[in-house]
Amino acid sequence: MSDAGASRVTGVILAGGLASRYGGRAKGLEAVGGRRILDRVAGALVDAADELLLVANDPDADGWLPGVRVAADVRPHAGSLGGIHAALVHAGGPALVVAWDMPFVTAPLLRALRALGGDADAAVPESDSSRRGLEPLCAYYGPACIPAIERRLDAGDRRVIAFYDDVRLRRLDAAAVARFGDPALLFLNVNTPAELALAEAHAPTTDGGRRRQEA
């Protein structure tokens, strides 16, 4: 748990859609370095937020993280943008949002995003590994984002960064992000069996760096 920032912040794990590239399996339940990806994400969020929330539509989700509240999408079939919307609605306040397929996200990075979001509506890390240049599924969002997202969804715009022009956005620049690790690994998404193998190959050295960083 972190005491950064004046408001309580909920750490939200987004358990995404059908994982079609992963054969429809629940990819966050796959193990990397002997730990489920879901547990890795939860562990990072526990050390950066005040409570946890799992946003998932799978009927089995209640058993994934015992003791953690589970909530479903408020606006179904709205993709990742709908997931961010659900995170904020159910959190009832600011949220640190992380996709459940990112095994190497670290608590120090999340704490930096939380601090950066203290005087903004959203705080997002820059990354060359994303086609957007930003990582919207590893970010801080405040309640002011809810109406901005709803306007975009009502207009049929489901792009995950569609609402960014409508809120006060701060970026954690690439140089700052790099102090927390290699962005290509920090934001690695396990969407395919090949990416799972890649994550497994990097787990020994990446986890060692994570332990030193979070000590």
C-alpha atoms as a PDB file:
ATOM      1  CA  MET A   1       0.000   0.000   0.000  1.00  0.00           C
ATOM      2  CA  SER A   2       1.206   3.491  -0.832  1.00  0.00           C
ATOM      3  CA  ASP A   3       0.510   6.774   0.964  1.00  0.00           C
ATOM      4  CA  ALA A   4       1.275   8.846  -2.142  1.00  0.00           C
ATOM      5  CA  GLY A   5      -1.454  11.288  -3.083  1.00  0.00           C
ATOM      6  CA  ALA A   6      -4.284  12.715  -0.961  1.00  0.00           C
ATOM      7  CA  SER A   7      -7.110  10.510  -2.250  1.00  0.00           C
ATOM      8  CA  ARG A   8      -7.546   6.796  -1.851  1.00  0.00           C
ATOM      9  CA  VAL A   9      -6.670   5.031  -5.068  1.00  0.00           C
ATOM     10  CA  THR A  10      -8.030   1.684  -6.202  1.00  0.00           C
ATOM     11  CA  GLY A  11      -5.735  -0.695  -8.032  1.00  0.00           C
ATOM     12  CA  VAL A  12      -7.787  -2.197 -10.845  1.00  0.00           C
ATOM     13  CA  ILE A  13      -6.848  -5.309 -12.775  1.00  0.00           C
ATOM     14  CA  LEU A  14      -8.523  -5.430 -16.178  1.00  0.00           C
ATOM     15  CA  ALA A  15      -9.203  -9.016 -17.223  1.00  0.00           C
ATOM     16  CA  GLY A  16      -9.835  -8.459 -20.901  1.00  0.00           C
ATOM     17  CA  GLY A  17     -11.878 -10.113 -23.580  1.00  0.00           C
ATOM     18  CA  LEU A  18     -11.885 -13.527 -25.188  1.00  0.00           C
ATOM     19  CA  ALA A  19      -8.131 -13.712 -25.851  1.00  0.00           C
ATOM     20  CA  SER A  20      -8.736 -14.969 -29.386  1.00  0.00           C
ATOM     21  CA  ARG A  21      -5.003 -14.954 -30.125  1.00  0.00           C
ATOM     22  CA  TYR A  22      -4.523 -17.170 -27.087  1.00  0.00           C
ATOM     23  CA  GLY A  23      -7.052 -19.776 -28.134  1.00  0.00           C
ATOM     24  CA  GLY A  24      -9.746 -18.275 -25.927  1.00  0.00           C
ATOM     25  CA  ARG A  25      -7.921 -19.247 -22.723  1.00  0.00           C
ATOM     26  CA  ALA A  26      -7.745 -16.964 -19.701  1.00  0.00           C
ATOM     27  CA  LYS A  27      -4.255 -15.646 -20.398  1.00  0.00           C
ATOM     28  CA  GLY A  28      -3.862 -13.873 -17.066  1.00  0.00           C
ATOM     29  CA  LEU A  29      -4.036 -17.240 -15.341  1.00  0.00           C
ATOM     30  CA  GLU A  30      -0.948 -18.492 -17.181  1.00  0.00           C
ATOM     31  CA  ALA A  31       2.245 -18.668 -15.117  1.00  0.00           C
ATOM     32  CA  VAL A  32       5.453 -16.727 -15.726  1.00  0.00           C
ATOM     33  CA  GLY A  33       8.403 -17.661 -13.540  1.00  0.00           C
ATOM     34  CA  GLY A  34       6.174 -19.887 -11.440  1.00  0.00           C
ATOM     35  CA  ARG A  35       3.545 -17.192 -10.670  1.00  0.00           C
ATOM     36  CA  ARG A  36       0.298 -16.456 -12.435  1.00  0.00           C
ATOM     37  CA  ILE A  37       0.419 -13.226 -14.403  1.00  0.00           C
ATOM     38  CA  LEU A  38      -2.690 -12.155 -12.493  1.00  0.00           C
ATOM     39  CA  ASP A  39      -0.852 -12.556  -9.186  1.00  0.00           C
ATOM     40  CA  ARG A  40       2.096 -10.575 -10.499  1.00  0.00           C
ATOM     41  CA  VAL A  41      -0.122  -7.666 -11.481  1.00  0.00           C
ATOM     42  CA  ALA A  42      -1.993  -7.831  -8.174  1.00  0.00           C
ATOM     43  CA  GLY A  43       1.290  -7.821  -6.267  1.00  0.00           C
ATOM     44  CA  ALA A  44       2.476  -4.664  -8.005  1.00  0.00           C
ATOM     45  CA  LEU A  45      -0.853  -2.911  -7.426  1.00  0.00           C
ATOM     46  CA  VAL A  46      -1.024  -3.886  -3.747  1.00  0.00           C
ATOM     47  CA  ASP A  47       2.180  -1.927  -3.169  1.00  0.00           C
ATOM     48  CA  ALA A  48       0.957   1.145  -5.075  1.00  0.00           C
ATOM     49  CA  ALA A  49      -2.771   1.413  -4.304  1.00  0.00           C
ATOM     50  CA  ASP A  50      -5.047   1.289  -1.267  1.00  0.00           C
ATOM     51  CA  GLU A  51      -7.333  -1.554  -2.331  1.00  0.00           C
ATOM     52  CA  LEU A  52      -7.797  -3.933  -5.255  1.00  0.00           C
ATOM     53  CA  LEU A  53     -10.604  -4.469  -7.743  1.00  0.00           C
ATOM     54  CA  LEU A  54     -10.813  -7.037 -10.531  1.00  0.00           C
ATOM     55  CA  VAL A  55     -12.875  -6.050 -13.579  1.00  0.00           C
ATOM     56  CA  ALA A  56     -13.875  -9.238 -15.349  1.00  0.00           C
ATOM     57  CA  ASN A  57     -16.889 -10.652 -17.157  1.00  0.00           C
ATOM     58  CA  ASP A  58     -15.893 -14.304 -16.831  1.00  0.00           C
ATOM     59  CA  PRO A  59     -18.323 -16.198 -14.557  1.00  0.00           C
ATOM     60  CA  ASP A  60     -15.358 -17.937 -12.906  1.00  0.00           C
ATOM     61  CA  ALA A  61     -13.637 -14.672 -11.961  1.00  0.00           C
ATOM     62  CA  ASP A  62     -14.883 -14.707  -8.362  1.00  0.00           C
ATOM     63  CA  GLY A  63     -12.453 -17.518  -7.605  1.00  0.00           C
ATOM     64  CA  TRP A  64      -9.382 -16.001  -9.217  1.00  0.00           C
ATOM     65  CA  LEU A  65      -8.297 -13.693  -6.376  1.00  0.00           C
ATOM     66  CA  PRO A  66     -10.015 -14.654  -3.121  1.00  0.00           C
ATOM     67  CA  GLY A  67     -10.891 -11.610  -1.056  1.00  0.00           C
ATOM     68  CA  VAL A  68     -10.704  -9.198  -3.992  1.00  0.00           C
ATOM     69  CA  ARG A  69     -13.914  -7.567  -5.200  1.00  0.00           C
ATOM     70  CA  VAL A  70     -14.959  -8.499  -8.739  1.00  0.00           C
ATOM     71  CA  ALA A  71     -17.093  -6.298 -10.994  1.00  0.00           C
ATOM     72  CA  ALA A  72     -18.256  -6.563 -14.593  1.00  0.00           C
ATOM     73  CA  ASP A  73     -18.326  -4.043 -17.426  1.00  0.00           C
ATOM     74  CA  VAL A  74     -20.941  -1.314 -17.096  1.00  0.00           C
ATOM     75  CA  ARG A  75     -21.006  -0.765 -20.854  1.00  0.00           C
ATOM     76  CA  PRO A  76     -20.625  -4.280 -22.320  1.00  0.00           C
ATOM     77  CA  HIS A  77     -18.881  -4.947 -25.629  1.00  0.00           C
ATOM     78  CA  ALA A  78     -16.982  -1.654 -25.493  1.00  0.00           C
ATOM     79  CA  GLY A  79     -13.492  -3.158 -25.535  1.00  0.00           C
ATOM     80  CA  SER A  80     -10.630  -1.827 -23.433  1.00  0.00           C
ATOM     81  CA  LEU A  81     -12.235   1.610 -23.221  1.00  0.00           C
ATOM     82  CA  GLY A  82     -15.248  -0.035 -21.621  1.00  0.00           C
ATOM     83  CA  GLY A  83     -12.904  -1.719 -19.173  1.00  0.00           C
ATOM     84  CA  ILE A  84     -11.397   1.608 -18.088  1.00  0.00           C
ATOM     85  CA  HIS A  85     -14.914   2.997 -17.740  1.00  0.00           C
ATOM     86  CA  ALA A  86     -15.967   0.061 -15.543  1.00  0.00           C
ATOM     87  CA  ALA A  87     -12.809   0.437 -13.448  1.00  0.00           C
ATOM     88  CA  LEU A  88     -13.639   4.037 -12.612  1.00  0.00           C
ATOM     89  CA  VAL A  89     -17.357   3.525 -12.060  1.00  0.00           C
ATOM     90  CA  HIS A  90     -16.822   0.616  -9.688  1.00  0.00           C
ATOM     91  CA  ALA A  91     -13.798   2.177  -7.962  1.00  0.00           C
ATOM     92  CA  GLY A  92     -15.793   5.258  -7.053  1.00  0.00           C
ATOM     93  CA  GLY A  93     -12.639   7.352  -7.170  1.00  0.00           C
ATOM     94  CA  PRO A  94      -9.179   7.463  -8.757  1.00  0.00           C
ATOM     95  CA  ALA A  95      -7.770   4.219 -10.098  1.00  0.00           C
ATOM     96  CA  LEU A  96      -4.483   2.711 -11.165  1.00  0.00           C
ATOM     97  CA  VAL A  97      -5.484   0.477 -14.063  1.00  0.00           C
ATOM     98  CA  VAL A  98      -3.339  -2.396 -15.326  1.00  0.00           C
ATOM     99  CA  ALA A  99      -4.176  -5.060 -17.908  1.00  0.00           C
ATOM    100  CA  TRP A 100      -3.952  -8.555 -16.486  1.00  0.00           C
ATOM    101  CA  ASP A 101      -1.550  -9.792 -19.164  1.00  0.00           C
ATOM    102  CA  MET A 102       1.411  -7.529 -18.203  1.00  0.00           C
ATOM    103  CA  PRO A 103       3.661  -9.679 -15.991  1.00  0.00           C
ATOM    104  CA  PHE A 104       6.494  -7.211 -15.466  1.00  0.00           C
ATOM    105  CA  VAL A 105       4.744  -4.007 -14.383  1.00  0.00           C
ATOM    106  CA  THR A 106       6.330  -2.776 -11.150  1.00  0.00           C
ATOM    107  CA  ALA A 107       5.037  -1.023  -8.062  1.00  0.00           C
ATOM    108  CA  PRO A 108       7.557   1.865  -8.309  1.00  0.00           C
ATOM    109  CA  LEU A 109       6.302   2.661 -11.827  1.00  0.00           C
ATOM    110  CA  LEU A 110       2.707   2.592 -10.604  1.00  0.00           C
ATOM    111  CA  ARG A 111       3.548   4.810  -7.646  1.00  0.00           C
ATOM    112  CA  ALA A 112       5.131   7.316 -10.022  1.00  0.00           C
ATOM    113  CA  LEU A 113       1.952   7.361 -12.118  1.00  0.00           C
ATOM    114  CA  ARG A 114      -0.146   7.837  -8.999  1.00  0.00           C
ATOM    115  CA  ALA A 115       1.961  10.798  -7.908  1.00  0.00           C
ATOM    116  CA  LEU A 116       1.869  12.314 -11.394  1.00  0.00           C
ATOM    117  CA  GLY A 117      -1.910  12.006 -11.503  1.00  0.00           C
ATOM    118  CA  GLY A 118      -2.346  13.978  -8.303  1.00  0.00           C
ATOM    119  CA  ASP A 119      -2.989  17.205 -10.212  1.00  0.00           C
ATOM    120  CA  ALA A 120      -4.451  15.758 -13.424  1.00  0.00           C
ATOM    121  CA  ASP A 121      -7.335  13.616 -14.653  1.00  0.00           C
ATOM    122  CA  ALA A 122      -5.064  10.969 -16.141  1.00  0.00           C
ATOM    123  CA  ALA A 123      -1.383  10.015 -16.041  1.00  0.00           C
ATOM    124  CA  VAL A 124      -0.014   7.684 -18.699  1.00  0.00           C
ATOM    125  CA  PRO A 125       3.497   6.366 -19.403  1.00  0.00           C
ATOM    126  CA  GLU A 126       5.162   6.905 -22.746  1.00  0.00           C
ATOM    127  CA  SER A 127       6.442   3.841 -24.575  1.00  0.00           C
ATOM    128  CA  ASP A 128       7.969   3.143 -27.957  1.00  0.00           C
ATOM    129  CA  SER A 129       6.635  -0.408 -27.687  1.00  0.00           C
ATOM    130  CA  SER A 130       3.083   0.810 -28.306  1.00  0.00           C
ATOM    131  CA  ARG A 131       1.824   2.043 -31.645  1.00  0.00           C
ATOM    132  CA  ARG A 132       0.143   4.878 -29.754  1.00  0.00           C
ATOM    133  CA  GLY A 133       3.362   5.976 -28.046  1.00  0.00           C
ATOM    134  CA  LEU A 134       1.489   5.593 -24.754  1.00  0.00           C
ATOM    135  CA  GLU A 135       0.411   2.721 -22.516  1.00  0.00           C
ATOM    136  CA  PRO A 136      -3.266   3.383 -21.691  1.00  0.00           C
ATOM    137  CA  LEU A 137      -3.664   0.008 -19.977  1.00  0.00           C
ATOM    138  CA  CYS A 138      -1.018   0.817 -17.394  1.00  0.00           C
ATOM    139  CA  ALA A 139      -2.154   4.214 -16.196  1.00  0.00           C
ATOM    140  CA  TYR A 140      -3.780   6.399 -13.574  1.00  0.00           C
ATOM    141  CA  TYR A 141      -7.311   7.701 -14.180  1.00  0.00           C
ATOM    142  CA  GLY A 142      -9.490  10.020 -12.133  1.00  0.00           C
ATOM    143  CA  PRO A 143     -13.285  10.263 -11.935  1.00  0.00           C
ATOM    144  CA  ALA A 144     -13.398  13.161 -14.410  1.00  0.00           C
ATOM    145  CA  CYS A 145     -12.582  10.626 -17.114  1.00  0.00           C
ATOM    146  CA  ILE A 146     -15.975   8.911 -16.718  1.00  0.00           C
ATOM    147  CA  PRO A 147     -18.127  11.479 -18.556  1.00  0.00           C
ATOM    148  CA  ALA A 148     -15.399  11.963 -21.162  1.00  0.00           C
ATOM    149  CA  ILE A 149     -15.348   8.216 -21.866  1.00  0.00           C
ATOM    150  CA  GLU A 150     -19.136   8.026 -21.959  1.00  0.00           C
ATOM    151  CA  ARG A 151     -19.330  10.785 -24.544  1.00  0.00           C
ATOM    152  CA  ARG A 152     -16.921   8.869 -26.770  1.00  0.00           C
ATOM    153  CA  LEU A 153     -18.739   5.581 -26.313  1.00  0.00           C
ATOM    154  CA  ASP A 154     -22.073   7.243 -27.055  1.00  0.00           C
ATOM    155  CA  ALA A 155     -20.528   8.539 -30.281  1.00  0.00           C
ATOM    156  CA  GLY A 156     -19.407   5.022 -31.220  1.00  0.00           C
ATOM    157  CA  ASP A 157     -15.710   5.786 -30.707  1.00  0.00           C
ATOM    158  CA  ARG A 158     -14.176   2.824 -28.850  1.00  0.00           C
ATOM    159  CA  ARG A 159     -10.516   3.804 -29.292  1.00  0.00           C
ATOM    160  CA  VAL A 160      -8.867   3.332 -25.927  1.00  0.00           C
ATOM    161  CA  ILE A 161      -7.309   6.812 -25.999  1.00  0.00           C
ATOM    162  CA  ALA A 162     -10.342   8.471 -27.616  1.00  0.00           C
ATOM    163  CA  PHE A 163     -11.097  10.599 -24.552  1.00  0.00           C
ATOM    164  CA  TYR A 164      -7.574  11.844 -23.903  1.00  0.00           C
ATOM    165  CA  ASP A 165      -8.177  15.155 -25.679  1.00  0.00           C
ATOM    166  CA  ASP A 166     -11.103  15.829 -23.336  1.00  0.00           C
ATOM    167  CA  VAL A 167      -9.287  15.506 -19.989  1.00  0.00           C
ATOM    168  CA  ARG A 168      -6.235  16.943 -18.250  1.00  0.00           C
ATOM    169  CA  LEU A 169      -3.591  14.436 -19.266  1.00  0.00           C
ATOM    170  CA  ARG A 170      -0.050  14.140 -17.969  1.00  0.00           C
ATOM    171  CA  ARG A 171       2.593  11.909 -19.487  1.00  0.00           C
ATOM    172  CA  LEU A 172       5.357  10.086 -17.674  1.00  0.00           C
ATOM    173  CA  ASP A 173       8.015  10.721 -20.291  1.00  0.00           C
ATOM    174  CA  ALA A 174      10.064   7.953 -21.838  1.00  0.00           C
ATOM    175  CA  ALA A 175      13.236   8.890 -19.969  1.00  0.00           C
ATOM    176  CA  ALA A 176      11.415   8.689 -16.639  1.00  0.00           C
ATOM    177  CA  VAL A 177       9.818   5.380 -17.568  1.00  0.00           C
ATOM    178  CA  ALA A 178      13.203   3.913 -18.483  1.00  0.00           C
ATOM    179  CA  ARG A 179      14.410   4.453 -14.918  1.00  0.00           C
ATOM    180  CA  PHE A 180      11.991   1.719 -13.869  1.00  0.00           C
ATOM    181  CA  GLY A 181      13.234  -0.822 -16.402  1.00  0.00           C
ATOM    182  CA  ASP A 182      13.204  -1.698 -20.074  1.00  0.00           C
ATOM    183  CA  PRO A 183       9.848  -0.448 -21.442  1.00  0.00           C
ATOM    184  CA  ALA A 184       9.713  -3.388 -23.855  1.00  0.00           C
ATOM    185  CA  LEU A 185       9.521  -5.675 -20.795  1.00  0.00           C
ATOM    186  CA  LEU A 186       7.649  -3.409 -18.381  1.00  0.00           C
ATOM    187  CA  PHE A 187       4.764  -3.229 -20.830  1.00  0.00           C
ATOM    188  CA  LEU A 188       5.078  -6.663 -22.400  1.00  0.00           C
ATOM    189  CA  ASN A 189       1.606  -8.096 -23.092  1.00  0.00           C
ATOM    190  CA  VAL A 190       1.212 -11.869 -23.108  1.00  0.00           C
ATOM    191  CA  ASN A 191      -1.267 -12.202 -25.964  1.00  0.00           C
ATOM    192  CA  THR A 192       0.133 -15.318 -27.625  1.00  0.00           C
ATOM    193  CA  PRO A 193       1.965 -18.506 -26.622  1.00  0.00           C
ATOM    194  CA  ALA A 194       5.094 -17.036 -28.206  1.00  0.00           C
ATOM    195  CA  GLU A 195       4.855 -13.978 -25.949  1.00  0.00           C
ATOM    196  CA  LEU A 196       4.361 -16.247 -22.951  1.00  0.00           C
ATOM    197  CA  ALA A 197       7.585 -18.042 -23.876  1.00  0.00           C
ATOM    198  CA  LEU A 198       9.329 -14.665 -24.220  1.00  0.00           C
ATOM    199  CA  ALA A 199       8.109 -13.585 -20.784  1.00  0.00           C
ATOM    200  CA  GLU A 200       9.251 -16.874 -19.271  1.00  0.00           C
ATOM    201  CA  ALA A 201      12.704 -16.418 -20.775  1.00  0.00           C
ATOM    202  CA  HIS A 202      13.028 -12.947 -19.228  1.00  0.00           C
ATOM    203  CA  ALA A 203      11.481 -13.772 -15.851  1.00  0.00           C
ATOM    204  CA  PRO A 204      14.722 -14.699 -14.006  1.00  0.00           C
ATOM    205  CA  THR A 205      16.580 -11.470 -14.801  1.00  0.00           C
ATOM    206  CA  THR A 206      13.525  -9.203 -14.790  1.00  0.00           C
ATOM    207  CA  ASP A 207      12.259 -10.496 -11.462  1.00  0.00           C
ATOM    208  CA  GLY A 208      15.712 -10.049  -9.962  1.00  0.00           C
ATOM    209  CA  GLY A 209      15.707  -6.424 -11.055  1.00  0.00           C
ATOM    210  CA  ARG A 210      12.207  -5.978  -9.714  1.00  0.00           C
ATOM    211  CA  ARG A 211      13.191  -7.240  -6.273  1.00  0.00           C
ATOM    212  CA  ARG A 212      16.166  -4.891  -6.093  1.00  0.00           C
ATOM    213  CA  GLN A 213      14.052  -1.956  -7.279  1.00  0.00           C
ATOM    214  CA  GLU A 214      11.218  -2.567  -4.828  1.00  0.00           C
ATOM    215  CA  ALA A 215      13.417  -3.325  -1.816  1.00  0.00           C
END
